[in-house]
Amino acid sequence: MEETMRLEFESGAFLHSLMGGDVKELRYLEQKLGVRAVSRDGWIQLQGAGEPLEKARRAFADLEEARRNGAELSAADFRMGVDLVAREDEQSVTSMTGMRLLGDRGQKTVVPKTPGQAAYVEAMGRHDVTFGLGPAGTGKTYLAMAMALAHLKAREVNRVVLTRPAVEAGEALGFLPGDFKEKVAPYLRPLYDAMHDMLGPVEAGRYLEDGTIEIAPLAYMRGRTLARSFVILDEAQNTTPEQMFMFLTRLGEGSRCVVTGDASQVDLKDGLESGLNEAVRALREVEGIAQVKLTPMDVVRHPVVARIIEAYDQERKGGE
């Protein structure tokens, strides 16, 4: 039996802000929850069966709370709110938007956009070593960078160290043209891009200049001890077992570490085992270490990227 529910808000502008400013997003709610929706000014009328109506009400209540707590909601946030109630997830838009890693004094606000990303952020906050595993576009590196900068701003660490294996050059950087920065720039560009996006070029440049943030290839970590540092190893699937062991044993007192990687994108020569795969197996039950697996559902790039990843996964599984 169909029922009708009317939700009222203070203004049409506020109601539209819950949908990222686009009332057309109501079509997504209709398709996902199986209700009909009509919006006028500051109210929305919903028609449907009892349970779908209750889910729609919970979605709007969650979005309203997030908005009143200061979150700027996008259309993607609205869809996430609908998805969460549709699958009866324990996570909420309010809790995710409350995990602000940056955003003070004009800085870009960084928050998790999916339940998987929220679990990743929570793990980084609670553990000394966190492995962020999953496909491209899931925010592994970006959120790790945001967490590192948040720790730096809070003076919980003295510096941030960002590294990745320059596997495309076989780590033979001495044979590349240019000075040190020119040699490594192509391999570390994603880390530079994320840092500049969050801090801006002026502050990022200052941190790089005085050594507060250090970006270097993995080969330059050997023999060092990194104390009171937040260390990020990116593209870890391209480490050898020896490199991974070397890296993990560099951590000193007061340090935290995040290792990111995608086991489906190993660029090592045939026959070489990925150091990431060995570490995941060996460290699965070690206290103080978390492993978070992100999925295509956590992709926050263009929506078609998630569909591309899923299609490739199906193709590869079918060929096994």
Protein backbone atom coordinates (compact mmCIF):
# COMPACT_ATOMS: atom_id res chain seq x y z
CA MET A 1 0.00 0.00 0.00
CA GLU A 2 1.36 3.39 -1.02
CA GLU A 3 1.81 6.21 1.44
CA THR A 4 2.70 9.89 1.18
CA MET A 5 5.33 11.72 3.20
CA ARG A 6 6.08 15.44 3.17
CA LEU A 7 9.43 16.79 4.34
CA GLU A 8 9.72 20.53 5.00
CA PHE A 9 12.86 22.66 5.18
CA GLU A 10 13.56 26.30 5.92
CA SER A 11 13.92 27.34 2.29
CA GLY A 12 14.16 26.07 -1.25
CA ALA A 13 17.84 27.04 -1.32
CA PHE A 14 18.59 24.90 1.73
CA LEU A 15 16.71 21.93 0.28
CA HIS A 16 18.59 22.27 -3.02
CA SER A 17 21.90 22.43 -1.12
CA LEU A 18 21.21 18.92 0.18
CA MET A 19 21.20 17.73 -3.44
CA GLY A 20 24.36 19.56 -4.41
CA GLY A 21 22.29 22.36 -5.90
CA ASP A 22 20.73 20.14 -8.55
CA VAL A 23 17.09 19.12 -8.03
CA LYS A 24 17.47 16.65 -10.92
CA GLU A 25 19.30 14.39 -8.45
CA LEU A 26 15.86 13.44 -7.12
CA ARG A 27 15.64 11.10 -10.09
CA TYR A 28 18.48 9.09 -8.58
CA LEU A 29 16.60 8.79 -5.30
CA GLU A 30 13.47 7.64 -7.16
CA GLN A 31 15.35 4.97 -9.10
CA LYS A 32 17.39 3.72 -6.15
CA LEU A 33 14.65 3.60 -3.52
CA GLY A 34 11.56 3.05 -5.65
CA VAL A 35 9.69 6.18 -4.57
CA ARG A 36 8.26 9.18 -6.40
CA ALA A 37 9.39 12.68 -5.41
CA VAL A 38 8.02 16.16 -6.07
CA SER A 39 9.82 19.27 -4.80
CA ARG A 40 8.49 22.82 -4.45
CA ASP A 41 10.13 25.73 -2.65
CA GLY A 42 11.23 24.39 0.76
CA TRP A 43 9.37 21.07 0.79
CA ILE A 44 9.53 17.69 -0.86
CA GLN A 45 6.69 15.19 -1.15
CA LEU A 46 7.47 11.49 -1.38
CA GLN A 47 5.16 8.66 -2.41
CA GLY A 48 5.78 4.94 -2.11
CA ALA A 49 5.68 1.93 0.16
CA GLY A 50 6.45 2.35 3.84
CA GLU A 51 10.01 1.03 3.98
CA PRO A 52 11.31 2.94 0.92
CA LEU A 53 9.71 6.12 2.29
CA GLU A 54 11.45 5.64 5.62
CA LYS A 55 14.78 5.14 3.85
CA ALA A 56 14.21 8.36 1.88
CA ARG A 57 13.43 10.20 5.11
CA ARG A 58 16.62 8.88 6.73
CA ALA A 59 18.67 9.93 3.72
CA PHE A 60 17.38 13.51 3.90
CA ALA A 61 17.83 13.58 7.70
CA ASP A 62 21.46 12.50 7.31
CA LEU A 63 22.13 15.07 4.57
CA GLU A 64 20.44 17.81 6.59
CA GLU A 65 22.57 17.06 9.64
CA ALA A 66 25.74 17.06 7.56
CA ARG A 67 24.78 20.39 5.98
CA ARG A 68 23.97 22.01 9.33
CA ASN A 69 27.35 20.82 10.61
CA GLY A 70 28.99 22.92 7.92
CA ALA A 71 29.51 20.43 5.07
CA GLU A 72 29.26 21.67 1.49
CA LEU A 73 27.38 18.86 -0.22
CA SER A 74 27.82 17.87 -3.84
CA ALA A 75 25.58 15.80 -6.07
CA ALA A 76 27.95 12.88 -5.39
CA ASP A 77 27.36 13.34 -1.64
CA PHE A 78 23.60 13.21 -2.21
CA ARG A 79 23.93 9.98 -4.17
CA MET A 80 26.17 8.53 -1.50
CA GLY A 81 23.57 9.36 1.16
CA VAL A 82 20.92 7.55 -0.88
CA ASP A 83 23.22 4.57 -1.49
CA LEU A 84 24.01 4.26 2.22
CA VAL A 85 20.38 3.98 3.30
CA ALA A 86 19.55 1.76 0.32
CA ARG A 87 22.02 -0.88 1.46
CA GLU A 88 21.46 -0.14 5.17
CA ASP A 89 25.10 0.78 5.72
CA GLU A 90 26.16 1.79 9.22
CA GLN A 91 28.17 4.71 7.80
CA SER A 92 26.56 8.10 7.11
CA VAL A 93 27.29 11.25 5.13
CA THR A 94 27.35 13.15 8.44
CA SER A 95 30.08 10.98 9.91
CA MET A 96 32.16 11.03 6.71
CA THR A 97 31.99 14.79 6.23
CA GLY A 98 32.89 15.15 9.91
CA MET A 99 36.29 13.51 9.26
CA ARG A 100 37.89 16.76 8.11
CA LEU A 101 41.61 16.27 7.67
CA LEU A 102 42.39 19.78 6.45
CA GLY A 103 40.43 22.93 5.70
CA ASP A 104 41.57 25.52 8.25
CA ARG A 105 42.52 29.05 7.21
CA GLY A 106 41.50 28.76 3.60
CA GLN A 107 43.04 25.35 2.96
CA LYS A 108 41.17 22.83 0.86
CA THR A 109 38.84 20.66 2.94
CA VAL A 110 39.62 16.97 2.56
CA VAL A 111 37.07 14.39 3.72
CA PRO A 112 36.42 10.75 2.80
CA LYS A 113 33.79 10.35 0.10
CA THR A 114 32.85 6.69 0.55
CA PRO A 115 32.50 4.23 3.45
CA GLY A 116 35.69 2.49 2.31
CA GLN A 117 37.58 5.76 2.38
CA ALA A 118 36.16 6.51 5.83
CA ALA A 119 37.46 3.14 7.10
CA TYR A 120 40.85 3.99 5.55
CA VAL A 121 40.98 7.37 7.31
CA GLU A 122 39.98 5.80 10.62
CA ALA A 123 42.68 3.13 10.23
CA MET A 124 45.39 5.72 9.52
CA GLY A 125 44.34 7.62 12.62
CA ARG A 126 44.53 4.57 14.90
CA HIS A 127 47.51 2.56 13.62
CA ASP A 128 51.25 3.12 13.31
CA VAL A 129 51.36 1.39 9.91
CA THR A 130 48.45 1.28 7.46
CA PHE A 131 48.29 -0.48 4.10
CA GLY A 132 45.86 1.16 1.65
CA LEU A 133 45.14 -1.39 -1.07
CA GLY A 134 42.97 -0.93 -4.14
CA PRO A 135 42.58 0.27 -7.71
CA ALA A 136 43.35 3.67 -9.18
CA GLY A 137 41.02 6.51 -8.27
CA THR A 138 40.09 5.27 -4.80
CA GLY A 139 41.96 8.08 -3.01
CA LYS A 140 44.70 5.93 -1.48
CA THR A 141 47.52 8.42 -2.02
CA TYR A 142 45.45 11.58 -1.74
CA LEU A 143 43.96 10.70 1.66
CA ALA A 144 47.32 9.48 2.96
CA MET A 145 48.81 12.85 1.98
CA ALA A 146 45.97 14.68 3.71
CA MET A 147 46.45 12.63 6.89
CA ALA A 148 50.19 13.29 6.82
CA LEU A 149 49.68 17.05 6.47
CA ALA A 150 47.06 17.00 9.24
CA HIS A 151 49.60 15.35 11.57
CA LEU A 152 52.21 17.89 10.53
CA LYS A 153 49.88 20.83 11.17
CA ALA A 154 48.99 19.40 14.60
CA ARG A 155 52.74 19.08 15.40
CA GLU A 156 52.36 15.36 15.96
CA VAL A 157 55.27 14.80 13.57
CA ASN A 158 58.16 17.03 12.54
CA ARG A 159 58.23 16.20 8.86
CA VAL A 160 56.55 14.29 6.05
CA VAL A 161 58.52 11.90 3.85
CA LEU A 162 56.99 10.81 0.55
CA THR A 163 58.56 8.08 -1.54
CA ARG A 164 57.83 5.67 -4.34
CA PRO A 165 59.91 3.23 -6.41
CA ALA A 166 61.13 4.69 -9.70
CA VAL A 167 60.65 1.33 -11.33
CA GLU A 168 60.27 2.73 -14.84
CA ALA A 169 63.91 3.85 -14.65
CA GLY A 170 65.04 0.69 -12.93
CA GLU A 171 66.13 2.95 -10.05
CA ALA A 172 69.12 3.87 -12.29
CA LEU A 173 68.53 7.57 -11.78
CA GLY A 174 72.15 8.48 -12.34
CA PHE A 175 71.74 7.79 -16.05
CA LEU A 176 68.87 10.25 -16.44
CA PRO A 177 69.56 13.83 -17.62
CA GLY A 178 69.30 16.84 -15.30
CA ASP A 179 69.83 17.50 -11.60
CA PHE A 180 68.33 15.40 -8.80
CA LYS A 181 64.90 17.09 -8.83
CA GLU A 182 64.64 16.83 -12.61
CA LYS A 183 65.57 13.15 -12.51
CA VAL A 184 62.91 12.12 -10.01
CA ALA A 185 60.11 14.58 -10.90
CA PRO A 186 58.33 12.30 -13.44
CA TYR A 187 58.05 9.46 -10.90
CA LEU A 188 56.92 11.61 -7.98
CA ARG A 189 54.53 13.90 -9.86
CA PRO A 190 51.34 12.43 -8.28
CA LEU A 191 52.72 13.26 -4.82
CA TYR A 192 53.62 16.80 -5.85
CA ASP A 193 50.17 17.28 -7.40
CA ALA A 194 48.34 16.13 -4.26
CA MET A 195 50.48 18.31 -2.00
CA HIS A 196 50.06 21.43 -4.16
CA ASP A 197 46.31 20.84 -4.34
CA MET A 198 45.99 20.82 -0.54
CA LEU A 199 48.54 23.46 0.47
CA GLY A 200 48.88 25.70 -2.55
CA PRO A 201 52.18 26.31 -4.37
CA VAL A 202 53.57 28.90 -1.91
CA GLU A 203 53.24 26.88 1.30
CA ALA A 204 54.15 23.64 -0.47
CA GLY A 205 57.27 25.29 -1.87
CA ARG A 206 58.27 26.55 1.57
CA TYR A 207 57.90 23.13 3.14
CA LEU A 208 59.96 21.53 0.36
CA GLU A 209 62.62 24.21 0.61
CA ASP A 210 63.21 23.82 4.37
CA GLY A 211 62.95 20.02 4.32
CA THR A 212 59.72 19.78 6.33
CA ILE A 213 58.36 17.79 3.39
CA GLU A 214 60.79 15.50 1.61
CA ILE A 215 60.01 13.72 -1.63
CA ALA A 216 62.50 11.11 -2.80
CA PRO A 217 62.74 7.79 -4.64
CA LEU A 218 62.70 4.65 -2.53
CA ALA A 219 66.34 3.95 -3.38
CA TYR A 220 67.34 6.97 -1.26
CA MET A 221 65.72 5.56 1.92
CA ARG A 222 68.38 2.89 2.48
CA GLY A 223 70.46 3.37 5.62
CA ARG A 224 68.22 6.02 7.16
CA THR A 225 66.15 6.05 10.35
CA LEU A 226 63.03 8.21 10.14
CA ALA A 227 62.00 9.52 13.57
CA ARG A 228 58.91 11.67 14.30
CA SER A 229 57.99 11.47 10.63
CA PHE A 230 54.86 10.62 8.68
CA VAL A 231 56.12 8.42 5.85
CA ILE A 232 54.13 7.47 2.75
CA LEU A 233 55.26 4.76 0.33
CA ASP A 234 53.25 5.12 -2.88
CA GLU A 235 52.94 2.53 -5.70
CA ALA A 236 54.23 -0.12 -3.32
CA GLN A 237 53.25 -2.95 -5.67
CA ASN A 238 56.43 -2.07 -7.60
CA THR A 239 58.77 -2.74 -4.69
CA THR A 240 60.78 -5.94 -4.42
CA PRO A 241 60.53 -7.90 -1.15
CA GLU A 242 63.96 -6.58 -0.16
CA GLN A 243 62.95 -2.97 -0.82
CA MET A 244 59.74 -3.32 1.16
CA PHE A 245 61.53 -4.85 4.15
CA MET A 246 64.15 -2.12 3.97
CA PHE A 247 61.49 0.58 3.91
CA LEU A 248 59.39 -0.77 6.79
CA THR A 249 62.45 -1.08 9.01
CA ARG A 250 63.36 2.61 8.50
CA LEU A 251 60.66 3.75 10.93
CA GLY A 252 61.93 5.41 14.08
CA GLU A 253 60.36 6.60 17.32
CA GLY A 254 57.19 8.67 16.97
CA SER A 255 56.73 7.86 13.28
CA ARG A 256 53.71 6.70 11.30
CA CYS A 257 53.64 5.03 7.93
CA VAL A 258 51.13 4.53 5.13
CA VAL A 259 51.82 2.10 2.28
CA THR A 260 49.62 2.38 -0.80
CA GLY A 261 49.43 0.06 -3.77
CA ASP A 262 47.39 -1.84 -6.32
CA ALA A 263 48.35 -5.49 -6.77
CA SER A 264 46.73 -5.50 -10.24
CA GLN A 265 49.22 -2.94 -11.60
CA VAL A 266 52.63 -4.50 -10.92
CA ASP A 267 55.31 -3.18 -13.29
CA LEU A 268 58.16 -5.39 -12.06
CA LYS A 269 59.95 -7.66 -14.49
CA ASP A 270 58.50 -11.15 -14.97
CA GLY A 271 59.40 -13.52 -12.19
CA LEU A 272 59.88 -10.90 -9.46
CA GLU A 273 57.44 -11.07 -6.58
CA SER A 274 55.91 -7.79 -5.42
CA GLY A 275 57.14 -6.72 -2.01
CA LEU A 276 53.64 -5.46 -1.31
CA ASN A 277 52.13 -8.91 -1.71
CA GLU A 278 54.67 -10.46 0.66
CA ALA A 279 54.15 -7.71 3.25
CA VAL A 280 50.36 -8.10 3.13
CA ARG A 281 50.70 -11.82 3.82
CA ALA A 282 53.39 -11.52 6.49
CA LEU A 283 51.90 -8.61 8.44
CA ARG A 284 48.22 -9.54 8.38
CA GLU A 285 48.05 -10.31 12.12
CA VAL A 286 50.72 -7.93 13.45
CA GLU A 287 49.60 -5.55 16.20
CA GLY A 288 49.64 -1.88 15.24
CA ILE A 289 49.29 -2.60 11.51
CA ALA A 290 46.05 -2.16 9.55
CA GLN A 291 45.16 -3.30 6.06
CA VAL A 292 42.29 -1.57 4.28
CA LYS A 293 41.08 -2.86 0.92
CA LEU A 294 39.34 -0.30 -1.27
CA THR A 295 37.18 -1.38 -4.20
CA PRO A 296 35.74 0.12 -7.41
CA MET A 297 32.87 1.35 -5.22
CA ASP A 298 35.39 3.76 -3.64
CA VAL A 299 36.47 5.34 -6.94
CA VAL A 300 35.85 9.08 -6.77
CA ARG A 301 37.00 10.11 -10.23
CA HIS A 302 34.62 10.38 -13.16
CA PRO A 303 31.80 7.80 -12.62
CA VAL A 304 32.84 5.93 -15.75
CA VAL A 305 36.22 5.08 -14.16
CA ALA A 306 34.56 2.74 -11.64
CA ARG A 307 32.71 1.02 -14.49
CA ILE A 308 35.95 0.65 -16.48
CA ILE A 309 37.73 -0.92 -13.49
CA GLU A 310 34.86 -3.31 -12.84
CA ALA A 311 34.65 -4.32 -16.52
CA TYR A 312 38.36 -5.07 -16.62
CA ASP A 313 38.13 -7.09 -13.40
CA GLN A 314 35.36 -9.21 -14.91
CA GLU A 315 37.30 -9.69 -18.15
CA ARG A 316 40.44 -10.78 -16.32
CA LYS A 317 38.57 -13.15 -14.02
CA GLY A 318 36.83 -14.69 -17.03
CA GLY A 319 40.15 -15.42 -18.66
CA GLU A 320 41.60 -17.27 -15.67
